[in-house]
Protein backbone atom coordinates (compact mmCIF):
# COMPACT_ATOMS: atom_id res chain seq x y z
CA UNK A 1 -26.49 19.99 -48.84
CA UNK A 2 -26.96 16.23 -48.37
CA UNK A 3 -30.62 15.24 -48.58
CA UNK A 4 -32.17 13.99 -45.35
CA UNK A 5 -34.45 11.02 -45.98
CA UNK A 6 -36.97 8.81 -44.19
CA UNK A 7 -39.21 5.84 -44.92
CA UNK A 8 -42.85 5.93 -43.87
CA UNK A 9 -44.41 2.49 -43.58
CA UNK A 10 -41.86 -0.26 -43.01
CA UNK A 11 -43.90 -3.36 -43.62
CA UNK A 12 -43.12 -5.91 -46.34
CA UNK A 13 -42.05 -3.40 -49.00
CA UNK A 14 -41.17 -0.43 -46.83
CA UNK A 15 -38.39 -2.31 -45.08
CA UNK A 16 -36.79 -2.87 -48.50
CA UNK A 17 -36.94 0.88 -49.06
CA UNK A 18 -35.25 1.29 -45.67
CA UNK A 19 -32.51 -1.12 -46.72
CA UNK A 20 -31.78 0.87 -49.88
CA UNK A 21 -31.92 4.21 -48.08
CA UNK A 22 -29.45 2.83 -45.55
CA UNK A 23 -27.10 1.73 -48.34
CA UNK A 24 -27.28 5.14 -50.01
CA UNK A 25 -26.52 6.84 -46.71
CA UNK A 26 -23.55 4.53 -46.12
CA UNK A 27 -22.23 5.58 -49.55
CA UNK A 28 -22.58 9.24 -48.59
CA UNK A 29 -25.35 9.91 -51.10
CA UNK A 30 -27.97 10.87 -48.49
CA UNK A 31 -28.46 11.19 -44.76
CA UNK A 32 -31.00 8.55 -43.68
CA UNK A 33 -32.72 10.05 -40.62
CA UNK A 34 -35.71 7.97 -39.56
CA UNK A 35 -38.35 5.34 -40.17
CA UNK A 36 -42.03 5.72 -39.33
CA UNK A 37 -44.66 3.05 -38.78
CA UNK A 38 -47.95 2.96 -36.89
CA UNK A 39 -46.80 -0.24 -35.19
CA UNK A 40 -44.22 0.78 -32.60
CA UNK A 41 -42.52 -2.62 -32.43
CA UNK A 42 -42.04 -2.61 -36.21
CA UNK A 43 -40.70 0.95 -36.21
CA UNK A 44 -38.29 0.12 -33.38
CA UNK A 45 -37.11 -3.09 -35.06
CA UNK A 46 -36.30 -1.50 -38.43
CA UNK A 47 -34.80 1.60 -36.80
CA UNK A 48 -32.44 -0.57 -34.76
CA UNK A 49 -31.57 -2.62 -37.82
CA UNK A 50 -30.71 0.49 -39.84
CA UNK A 51 -29.34 2.58 -36.97
CA UNK A 52 -31.77 5.47 -37.43
CA UNK A 53 -34.44 7.20 -35.35
CA UNK A 54 -38.04 6.01 -35.30
CA UNK A 55 -41.51 7.45 -34.81
CA UNK A 56 -45.12 6.33 -35.09
CA UNK A 57 -46.32 9.78 -36.21
CA UNK A 58 -45.33 11.03 -39.65
CA UNK A 59 -45.89 14.64 -38.56
CA UNK A 60 -42.72 14.30 -36.48
CA UNK A 61 -40.72 14.20 -39.73
CA UNK A 62 -41.76 17.68 -40.87
CA UNK A 63 -38.76 20.03 -40.75
CA UNK A 64 -36.56 16.98 -40.08
CA UNK A 65 -36.31 15.46 -43.59
CA UNK A 66 -36.25 16.59 -47.21
CA UNK A 67 -37.50 13.48 -49.02
CA UNK A 68 -39.37 10.28 -48.10
CA UNK A 69 -40.36 6.90 -49.43
CA UNK A 70 -44.06 6.42 -48.71
CA UNK A 71 -44.95 2.72 -48.46
CA UNK A 72 -48.17 2.76 -46.46
CA UNK A 73 -51.48 1.13 -47.54
CA UNK A 74 -53.03 2.74 -50.63
CA UNK A 75 -55.95 4.13 -48.63
CA UNK A 76 -53.52 6.44 -46.80
CA UNK A 77 -51.50 7.64 -49.80
CA UNK A 78 -53.46 10.81 -50.46
CA UNK A 79 -53.66 12.08 -46.88
CA UNK A 80 -49.99 11.51 -46.10
CA UNK A 81 -48.59 12.54 -49.49
CA UNK A 82 -50.57 15.78 -49.54
CA UNK A 83 -49.49 16.64 -46.00
CA UNK A 84 -45.83 15.90 -46.74
CA UNK A 85 -45.83 17.74 -50.08
CA UNK A 86 -47.53 20.78 -48.52
CA UNK A 87 -44.66 20.85 -46.02
CA UNK A 88 -42.16 20.95 -48.87
CA UNK A 89 -41.08 17.31 -48.52
CA UNK A 90 -40.45 15.38 -51.76
CA UNK A 91 -42.37 12.08 -51.98
CA UNK A 92 -41.73 8.74 -53.67
CA UNK A 93 -45.08 6.98 -53.23
CA UNK A 94 -45.60 3.29 -53.91
CA UNK A 95 -48.03 2.27 -56.63
CA UNK A 96 -50.91 2.61 -57.16
CA UNK A 97 -50.67 6.36 -56.70
CA UNK A 98 -54.04 6.46 -54.91
CA UNK A 99 -57.43 4.80 -54.62
CA UNK A 100 -59.23 7.22 -56.93
CA UNK A 101 -58.45 9.68 -59.69
CA UNK A 102 -59.72 12.49 -57.46
CA UNK A 103 -57.14 11.54 -54.81
CA UNK A 104 -54.41 11.33 -57.46
CA UNK A 105 -55.37 14.82 -58.67
CA UNK A 106 -55.11 16.15 -55.11
CA UNK A 107 -51.60 14.71 -54.79
CA UNK A 108 -50.48 16.13 -58.14
CA UNK A 109 -51.92 19.55 -57.25
CA UNK A 110 -50.19 19.49 -53.85
CA UNK A 111 -46.84 18.77 -55.52
CA UNK A 112 -47.32 21.58 -58.02
CA UNK A 113 -48.43 24.09 -55.37
CA UNK A 114 -45.42 23.43 -53.12
CA UNK A 115 -42.97 22.92 -55.99
CA UNK A 116 -42.09 19.55 -54.47
CA UNK A 117 -41.34 16.41 -56.46
CA UNK A 118 -43.86 13.56 -56.56
CA UNK A 119 -42.67 10.25 -57.99
CA UNK A 120 -44.75 7.06 -58.29
CA UNK A 121 -43.18 3.67 -57.63
CA UNK A 122 -43.74 1.89 -60.92
CA UNK A 123 -40.75 -0.36 -60.29
CA UNK A 124 -40.68 -2.27 -63.57
CA UNK A 125 -39.61 0.84 -65.48
CA UNK A 126 -36.28 0.38 -63.67
CA UNK A 127 -35.90 -3.35 -64.35
CA UNK A 128 -32.51 -3.76 -66.11
CA UNK A 129 -34.12 -5.78 -68.90
CA UNK A 130 -36.56 -2.99 -69.71
CA UNK A 131 -33.90 -0.29 -69.34
CA UNK A 132 -31.78 -2.14 -71.93
CA UNK A 133 -34.76 -2.69 -74.23
CA UNK A 134 -36.35 0.78 -74.15
CA UNK A 135 -34.08 2.37 -76.82
CA UNK A 136 -34.98 -0.42 -79.25
CA UNK A 137 -38.77 -0.06 -78.99
CA UNK A 138 -40.43 1.32 -82.13
CA UNK A 139 -44.11 1.11 -82.93
CA UNK A 140 -45.09 -2.07 -81.01
CA UNK A 141 -48.27 -3.61 -82.36
CA UNK A 142 -49.16 -6.66 -80.25
CA UNK A 143 -48.36 -7.57 -76.63
CA UNK A 144 -48.83 -10.80 -74.65
CA UNK A 145 -48.08 -10.30 -70.95
CA UNK A 146 -48.32 -12.67 -67.99
CA UNK A 147 -47.74 -11.65 -64.39
CA UNK A 148 -48.45 -14.53 -62.03
CA UNK A 149 -47.60 -14.74 -58.35
CA UNK A 150 -48.03 -17.16 -55.50
CA UNK A 151 -50.63 -16.25 -52.91
CA UNK A 152 -49.40 -14.22 -49.95
CA UNK A 153 -51.18 -12.34 -47.18
CA UNK A 154 -49.92 -8.93 -48.35
CA UNK A 155 -51.76 -6.26 -50.42
CA UNK A 156 -55.12 -7.94 -49.90
CA UNK A 157 -56.72 -4.52 -49.41
CA UNK A 158 -56.66 -4.04 -53.20
CA UNK A 159 -57.54 -6.13 -56.26
CA UNK A 160 -54.92 -7.91 -58.35
CA UNK A 161 -55.44 -5.27 -61.04
CA UNK A 162 -54.19 -2.54 -58.69
CA UNK A 163 -51.65 -4.80 -57.00
CA UNK A 164 -49.91 -6.56 -59.93
CA UNK A 165 -51.45 -5.74 -63.30
CA UNK A 166 -50.99 -2.00 -62.87
CA UNK A 167 -47.26 -2.54 -63.54
CA UNK A 168 -48.05 -3.84 -67.01
CA UNK A 169 -50.75 -1.27 -67.73
CA UNK A 170 -48.11 1.38 -67.03
CA UNK A 171 -45.41 -0.30 -69.13
CA UNK A 172 -47.66 -0.88 -72.16
CA UNK A 173 -48.88 2.72 -72.13
CA UNK A 174 -45.25 3.89 -71.79
CA UNK A 175 -44.02 1.76 -74.70
CA UNK A 176 -46.95 2.44 -77.05
CA UNK A 177 -46.85 6.16 -76.28
CA UNK A 178 -48.11 8.06 -73.28
CA UNK A 179 -50.22 10.35 -75.49
CA UNK A 180 -51.83 7.53 -77.49
CA UNK A 181 -55.34 6.87 -76.23
CA UNK A 182 -56.77 3.49 -75.25
CA UNK A 183 -59.85 3.30 -77.48
CA UNK A 184 -61.18 -0.06 -76.29
CA UNK A 185 -60.77 -1.96 -73.04
CA UNK A 186 -62.22 -5.39 -72.31
CA UNK A 187 -61.70 -7.14 -68.98
CA UNK A 188 -62.79 -10.15 -66.96
CA UNK A 189 -61.76 -11.23 -63.49
CA UNK A 190 -62.80 -13.32 -60.52
CA UNK A 191 -62.27 -13.54 -56.77
CA UNK A 192 -60.78 -16.90 -55.80
CA UNK A 193 -59.28 -16.85 -52.32
CA UNK A 194 -60.35 -13.37 -51.20
CA UNK A 195 -63.32 -11.06 -51.67
CA UNK A 196 -61.25 -9.00 -54.12
CA UNK A 197 -60.40 -9.86 -57.73
CA UNK A 198 -57.52 -12.37 -57.57
CA UNK A 199 -57.15 -13.20 -61.28
CA UNK A 200 -57.90 -11.01 -64.27
CA UNK A 201 -57.40 -10.61 -67.99
CA UNK A 202 -57.47 -7.28 -69.81
CA UNK A 203 -57.34 -6.53 -73.53
CA UNK A 204 -56.38 -3.01 -74.59
CA UNK A 205 -56.74 -1.49 -78.04
CA UNK A 206 -54.93 1.77 -78.77
CA UNK A 207 -55.67 4.54 -81.26
CA UNK A 208 -52.43 3.56 -83.04
CA UNK A 209 -53.81 0.07 -83.69
CA UNK A 210 -51.64 -1.60 -81.04
CA UNK A 211 -53.25 -4.37 -78.99
CA UNK A 212 -52.23 -5.70 -75.58
CA UNK A 213 -53.47 -8.84 -73.86
CA UNK A 214 -52.55 -8.85 -70.15
CA UNK A 215 -53.14 -11.62 -67.61
CA UNK A 216 -52.47 -11.24 -63.89
CA UNK A 217 -53.04 -13.61 -60.99
CA UNK A 218 -51.94 -13.75 -57.37
CA UNK A 219 -53.08 -17.34 -56.81
CA UNK A 220 -50.57 -19.18 -59.02
CA UNK A 221 -48.15 -21.95 -58.06
CA UNK A 222 -45.11 -20.22 -59.56
CA UNK A 223 -43.81 -16.72 -60.18
CA UNK A 224 -44.05 -15.55 -63.80
CA UNK A 225 -43.18 -12.04 -64.98
CA UNK A 226 -43.00 -12.14 -68.79
CA UNK A 227 -43.79 -9.76 -71.63
CA UNK A 228 -43.63 -10.57 -75.33
CA UNK A 229 -44.47 -8.19 -78.12
CA UNK A 230 -44.15 -7.69 -81.85
CA UNK A 231 -43.04 -4.61 -83.71
CA UNK A 232 -42.19 -4.31 -87.43
CA UNK A 233 -39.69 -7.10 -88.24
CA UNK A 234 -39.03 -7.85 -84.55
CA UNK A 235 -40.21 -10.25 -81.88
CA UNK A 236 -39.27 -9.03 -78.39
CA UNK A 237 -39.20 -11.11 -75.20
CA UNK A 238 -38.70 -9.77 -71.67
CA UNK A 239 -38.43 -11.78 -68.47
CA UNK A 240 -38.66 -9.36 -65.57
CA UNK A 241 -37.85 -12.06 -63.00
CA UNK A 242 -34.56 -13.15 -64.59
CA UNK A 243 -33.86 -9.66 -66.01
CA UNK A 244 -33.34 -10.84 -69.57
CA UNK A 245 -34.48 -9.23 -72.81
CA UNK A 246 -34.01 -10.46 -76.36
CA UNK A 247 -34.92 -9.34 -79.86
CA UNK A 248 -35.47 -11.73 -82.76
CA UNK A 249 -35.33 -9.91 -86.09
CA UNK A 250 -35.88 -10.81 -89.69
CA UNK A 251 -32.45 -11.11 -91.30
CA UNK A 252 -31.78 -9.62 -94.76
CA UNK A 253 -32.50 -12.00 -97.67
CA UNK A 254 -29.57 -14.06 -98.94
CA UNK A 255 -27.89 -13.10 -102.22
CA UNK A 256 -29.30 -16.21 -103.88
CA UNK A 257 -32.82 -15.16 -103.05
CA UNK A 258 -33.30 -17.78 -100.37
CA UNK A 259 -35.88 -17.13 -97.67
CA UNK A 260 -34.33 -14.87 -95.03
CA UNK A 261 -33.57 -16.24 -91.60
CA UNK A 262 -34.01 -14.84 -88.11
CA UNK A 263 -31.30 -13.05 -86.19
CA UNK A 264 -31.55 -13.49 -82.41
CA UNK A 265 -29.73 -11.29 -79.94
CA UNK A 266 -29.70 -11.13 -76.16
CA UNK A 267 -29.47 -7.56 -74.90
CA UNK A 268 -26.67 -6.64 -72.52
CA UNK A 269 -27.93 -5.28 -69.23
CA UNK A 270 -26.50 -3.34 -66.32
CA UNK A 271 -27.69 -5.53 -63.46
CA UNK A 272 -28.80 -3.00 -60.86
CA UNK A 273 -31.54 -3.87 -58.36
CA UNK A 274 -34.69 -2.15 -59.69
CA UNK A 275 -35.68 -0.70 -56.32
CA UNK A 276 -32.23 0.78 -55.84
CA UNK A 277 -32.35 2.29 -59.34
CA UNK A 278 -35.81 3.71 -58.63
CA UNK A 279 -34.83 5.33 -55.33
CA UNK A 280 -31.59 6.66 -56.81
CA UNK A 281 -33.54 8.22 -59.68
CA UNK A 282 -35.82 9.90 -57.13
CA UNK A 283 -32.90 11.25 -55.09
CA UNK A 284 -31.11 12.50 -58.22
CA UNK A 285 -34.25 14.23 -59.52
CA UNK A 286 -34.71 16.01 -56.18
CA UNK A 287 -31.04 16.92 -55.87
CA UNK A 288 -30.62 18.12 -59.45
CA UNK A 289 -34.09 19.73 -59.67
CA UNK A 290 -35.07 17.55 -62.61
CA UNK A 291 -38.56 16.33 -63.58
CA UNK A 292 -39.81 13.20 -61.86
CA UNK A 293 -38.75 10.04 -63.76
CA UNK A 294 -42.24 8.61 -63.12
CA UNK A 295 -44.50 11.56 -62.52
CA UNK A 296 -47.79 11.86 -60.73
CA UNK A 297 -49.42 12.13 -64.16
CA UNK A 298 -47.83 8.79 -65.13
CA UNK A 299 -49.20 7.22 -61.98
CA UNK A 300 -52.62 8.72 -62.64
CA UNK A 301 -52.67 7.33 -66.20
CA UNK A 302 -51.91 3.82 -64.94
CA UNK A 303 -54.57 4.16 -62.23
CA UNK A 304 -57.13 5.36 -64.79
CA UNK A 305 -56.58 2.24 -66.90
CA UNK A 306 -56.74 -0.01 -63.83
CA UNK A 307 -60.03 1.55 -62.68
CA UNK A 308 -61.49 1.20 -66.19
CA UNK A 309 -60.52 -2.47 -66.10
CA UNK A 310 -62.16 -2.96 -62.70
CA UNK A 311 -65.37 -1.35 -63.99
CA UNK A 312 -65.44 -3.82 -66.89
CA UNK A 313 -64.74 -6.69 -64.50
CA UNK A 314 -67.62 -5.59 -62.31
CA UNK A 315 -69.92 -5.49 -65.34
CA UNK A 316 -68.86 -9.02 -66.29
CA UNK A 317 -69.34 -10.22 -62.70
CA UNK A 318 -72.92 -8.94 -62.68
CA UNK A 319 -73.69 -10.52 -66.07
CA UNK A 320 -72.15 -13.87 -65.15
CA UNK A 321 -73.83 -14.05 -61.75
CA UNK A 322 -70.63 -14.60 -59.77
CA UNK A 323 -70.75 -13.30 -56.22
CA UNK A 324 -67.85 -11.72 -54.35
CA UNK A 325 -66.49 -15.12 -53.30
CA UNK A 326 -66.33 -16.46 -56.85
CA UNK A 327 -69.31 -18.78 -56.46
CA UNK A 328 -71.99 -19.03 -59.12
CA UNK A 329 -75.25 -17.50 -58.02
CA UNK A 330 -78.13 -19.98 -58.38
CA UNK A 331 -81.61 -18.55 -58.78
């Protein structure tokens, strides 16, 4: 039976989910039924654009759909996801999975109890550059990552750590090894334009000896999405924005004993839009009864690191005497 789908929350990101769901329905992969948004004009607009039904109450979707994209504000993730999962509806929830680990645990438990699939929207796992690179990753030891964005009025309900950096916290943990513990975490961050942390730097140290230095900002003048890391004999560079990945490796020594050179190769990618690949993976996992490609536990792990980072940032803020607006406190 063709899966019936809906998108709940069709703001900035949710309307992109609606676009992909509409494309999949047009290809006969799914049956896109409805969109849902608290703002009636928004729901009506996207519904007309995608030629589907609309509602302002997510409860109306129960018994009408099999799977949903959930792109509402983070504060509503737990309530809606748990209600949908309890009704047997499979859920792809945008990152971060929830506000707290307790909420994440409730969502994971709800999925397990109803035998429904919960997937977390860590989009960068589906970036073509990372998909091409993943088979070549072996024992990475040092990461330098920069994720910089221009200021926009979206996602200001959460800090930059939960908005942007959480992508990289997830990717680093995934590449180093999901079962390898973070033994040390150091972080600093400041509010600049909002009363949330707008720029932050985190340094992770893993039990394996790997180290990651991650910088994120949402008040830059250009968009930067780059990761570089070293593993034995290799230097790896990834540009998420341009979807390019390369590996520079130490070449074998010459027969005359001369110092070996460096072999550089650009990885071939299959250029699929990451969001489309993510939603397709969700639909396929539901349809084929496979494990979630990015499970609730994966989302919880990324959230745990992000919350640890925010605790360290708060400690630094208190020590440095910076108030919530980034101004130095003068005694």
